[in-house]
Amino acid sequence: MTITVSISDFRQNLSDYITKVKAGDTIVLKDEKKGEELAHVNPVKKSTIGDLLAYVKKNGPIFTTKNHPEWRTKKDVAAWVRKSRKEAERDFSYIPRSE
């Protein structure tokens, strides 16, 4: 449930509103004078490794060799990084290379 309150009401009843947030409610803080929303106080959603795996499975891999053929092998990636660094005209000579 979403509860809209003024900042002064929220401040005066902070403990009660925090209890509601812990129970799963969202608190919307509103400026009484301007009538505009200033902030949302949302409960923290605790994710599990299962949630992460489900997300990855649903959304699939973003970087694949099909849509980024320049990343097929470690050697290809290293060449791509070197080329990108040269194009950016940045100096990375202080980083040791491993080939």
C-alpha atoms as a PDB file:
ATOM      1  CA  MET A   1       0.000   0.000   0.000  1.00  0.00           C
ATOM      2  CA  THR A   2       1.168   3.559  -0.699  1.00  0.00           C
ATOM      3  CA  ILE A   3       0.638   6.201   1.965  1.00  0.00           C
ATOM      4  CA  THR A   4       1.078   9.899   1.156  1.00  0.00           C
ATOM      5  CA  VAL A   5       1.991  12.183   4.058  1.00  0.00           C
ATOM      6  CA  SER A   6       3.354  15.652   4.657  1.00  0.00           C
ATOM      7  CA  ILE A   7       6.911  16.022   5.845  1.00  0.00           C
ATOM      8  CA  SER A   8       5.780  17.467   9.178  1.00  0.00           C
ATOM      9  CA  ASP A   9       3.385  14.546   9.769  1.00  0.00           C
ATOM     10  CA  PHE A  10       6.115  12.089   8.819  1.00  0.00           C
ATOM     11  CA  ARG A  11       8.568  13.726  11.197  1.00  0.00           C
ATOM     12  CA  GLN A  12       6.061  13.761  14.087  1.00  0.00           C
ATOM     13  CA  ASN A  13       5.116  10.104  13.572  1.00  0.00           C
ATOM     14  CA  LEU A  14       8.399   8.733  12.266  1.00  0.00           C
ATOM     15  CA  SER A  15       8.315   5.567  14.332  1.00  0.00           C
ATOM     16  CA  ASP A  16       4.809   4.648  13.106  1.00  0.00           C
ATOM     17  CA  TYR A  17       5.721   5.217   9.466  1.00  0.00           C
ATOM     18  CA  ILE A  18       8.938   3.216   9.749  1.00  0.00           C
ATOM     19  CA  THR A  19       6.880   0.336  11.157  1.00  0.00           C
ATOM     20  CA  LYS A  20       4.584   0.587   8.120  1.00  0.00           C
ATOM     21  CA  VAL A  21       7.564   0.568   5.757  1.00  0.00           C
ATOM     22  CA  LYS A  22       8.930  -2.537   7.483  1.00  0.00           C
ATOM     23  CA  ALA A  23       5.520  -4.149   6.902  1.00  0.00           C
ATOM     24  CA  GLY A  24       5.881  -3.486   3.157  1.00  0.00           C
ATOM     25  CA  ASP A  25       4.146  -0.127   2.649  1.00  0.00           C
ATOM     26  CA  THR A  26       5.619   2.757   0.644  1.00  0.00           C
ATOM     27  CA  ILE A  27       5.511   6.230   2.144  1.00  0.00           C
ATOM     28  CA  VAL A  28       5.350   9.218  -0.208  1.00  0.00           C
ATOM     29  CA  LEU A  29       6.555  12.485   1.341  1.00  0.00           C
ATOM     30  CA  LYS A  30       4.780  15.525  -0.030  1.00  0.00           C
ATOM     31  CA  ASP A  31       5.441  19.246   0.303  1.00  0.00           C
ATOM     32  CA  GLU A  32       2.189  20.650   1.722  1.00  0.00           C
ATOM     33  CA  LYS A  33       2.684  24.147   0.350  1.00  0.00           C
ATOM     34  CA  LYS A  34       3.762  23.257  -3.171  1.00  0.00           C
ATOM     35  CA  GLY A  35       1.735  20.057  -3.403  1.00  0.00           C
ATOM     36  CA  GLU A  36       4.600  18.114  -4.986  1.00  0.00           C
ATOM     37  CA  GLU A  37       6.129  14.776  -4.105  1.00  0.00           C
ATOM     38  CA  LEU A  38       9.603  15.057  -2.649  1.00  0.00           C
ATOM     39  CA  ALA A  39      10.593  11.511  -1.751  1.00  0.00           C
ATOM     40  CA  HIS A  40       9.503   7.893  -1.512  1.00  0.00           C
ATOM     41  CA  VAL A  41      10.411   5.703   1.444  1.00  0.00           C
ATOM     42  CA  ASN A  42      10.374   2.102   0.257  1.00  0.00           C
ATOM     43  CA  PRO A  43      10.968  -1.158   2.072  1.00  0.00           C
ATOM     44  CA  VAL A  44      14.293  -2.832   1.359  1.00  0.00           C
ATOM     45  CA  LYS A  45      13.871  -5.839  -0.889  1.00  0.00           C
ATOM     46  CA  LYS A  46      16.258  -8.554   0.163  1.00  0.00           C
ATOM     47  CA  SER A  47      17.434 -10.508  -2.836  1.00  0.00           C
ATOM     48  CA  THR A  48      18.659 -14.048  -2.786  1.00  0.00           C
ATOM     49  CA  ILE A  49      21.005 -15.855  -5.124  1.00  0.00           C
ATOM     50  CA  GLY A  50      17.879 -17.510  -6.539  1.00  0.00           C
ATOM     51  CA  ASP A  51      16.478 -14.076  -7.443  1.00  0.00           C
ATOM     52  CA  LEU A  52      19.711 -13.198  -9.215  1.00  0.00           C
ATOM     53  CA  LEU A  53      19.812 -16.461 -11.150  1.00  0.00           C
ATOM     54  CA  ALA A  54      16.161 -16.053 -12.176  1.00  0.00           C
ATOM     55  CA  TYR A  55      16.901 -12.527 -13.391  1.00  0.00           C
ATOM     56  CA  VAL A  56      19.898 -13.639 -15.423  1.00  0.00           C
ATOM     57  CA  LYS A  57      17.965 -16.562 -16.891  1.00  0.00           C
ATOM     58  CA  LYS A  58      15.050 -14.300 -17.831  1.00  0.00           C
ATOM     59  CA  ASN A  59      17.140 -11.533 -19.367  1.00  0.00           C
ATOM     60  CA  GLY A  60      19.788 -13.719 -20.910  1.00  0.00           C
ATOM     61  CA  PRO A  61      23.405 -12.881 -21.530  1.00  0.00           C
ATOM     62  CA  ILE A  62      24.031  -9.332 -22.641  1.00  0.00           C
ATOM     63  CA  PHE A  63      27.525  -9.880 -23.973  1.00  0.00           C
ATOM     64  CA  THR A  64      27.923 -12.810 -26.292  1.00  0.00           C
ATOM     65  CA  THR A  65      30.337 -13.580 -29.086  1.00  0.00           C
ATOM     66  CA  LYS A  66      27.371 -13.311 -31.432  1.00  0.00           C
ATOM     67  CA  ASN A  67      26.789  -9.622 -30.705  1.00  0.00           C
ATOM     68  CA  HIS A  68      30.453  -8.889 -29.814  1.00  0.00           C
ATOM     69  CA  PRO A  69      32.652 -10.984 -32.119  1.00  0.00           C
ATOM     70  CA  GLU A  70      35.680  -8.941 -31.040  1.00  0.00           C
ATOM     71  CA  TRP A  71      35.452 -10.745 -27.671  1.00  0.00           C
ATOM     72  CA  ARG A  72      35.656 -14.351 -28.926  1.00  0.00           C
ATOM     73  CA  THR A  73      38.959 -15.167 -27.249  1.00  0.00           C
ATOM     74  CA  LYS A  74      41.210 -13.631 -24.590  1.00  0.00           C
ATOM     75  CA  LYS A  75      43.571 -12.571 -27.360  1.00  0.00           C
ATOM     76  CA  ASP A  76      40.714 -10.831 -29.209  1.00  0.00           C
ATOM     77  CA  VAL A  77      39.672  -9.035 -26.020  1.00  0.00           C
ATOM     78  CA  ALA A  78      43.232  -7.863 -25.372  1.00  0.00           C
ATOM     79  CA  ALA A  79      43.492  -6.542 -28.954  1.00  0.00           C
ATOM     80  CA  TRP A  80      40.136  -4.774 -28.607  1.00  0.00           C
ATOM     81  CA  VAL A  81      41.216  -3.156 -25.319  1.00  0.00           C
ATOM     82  CA  ARG A  82      44.502  -1.958 -26.826  1.00  0.00           C
ATOM     83  CA  LYS A  83      42.691  -0.507 -29.837  1.00  0.00           C
ATOM     84  CA  SER A  84      40.102   1.223 -27.622  1.00  0.00           C
ATOM     85  CA  ARG A  85      42.832   2.702 -25.443  1.00  0.00           C
ATOM     86  CA  LYS A  86      44.678   4.058 -28.470  1.00  0.00           C
ATOM     87  CA  GLU A  87      41.475   5.601 -29.834  1.00  0.00           C
ATOM     88  CA  ALA A  88      40.846   7.277 -26.478  1.00  0.00           C
ATOM     89  CA  GLU A  89      44.404   8.700 -26.544  1.00  0.00           C
ATOM     90  CA  ARG A  90      44.939   7.694 -22.945  1.00  0.00           C
ATOM     91  CA  ASP A  91      48.204   6.469 -21.507  1.00  0.00           C
ATOM     92  CA  PHE A  92      48.044   3.046 -19.859  1.00  0.00           C
ATOM     93  CA  SER A  93      51.725   2.250 -20.224  1.00  0.00           C
ATOM     94  CA  TYR A  94      52.084   1.990 -16.451  1.00  0.00           C
ATOM     95  CA  ILE A  95      49.915  -1.159 -16.448  1.00  0.00           C
ATOM     96  CA  PRO A  96      51.920  -4.332 -17.084  1.00  0.00           C
ATOM     97  CA  ARG A  97      50.660  -6.447 -19.979  1.00  0.00           C
ATOM     98  CA  SER A  98      49.960 -10.135 -19.681  1.00  0.00           C
ATOM     99  CA  GLU A  99      49.802 -12.107 -22.886  1.00  0.00           C
END
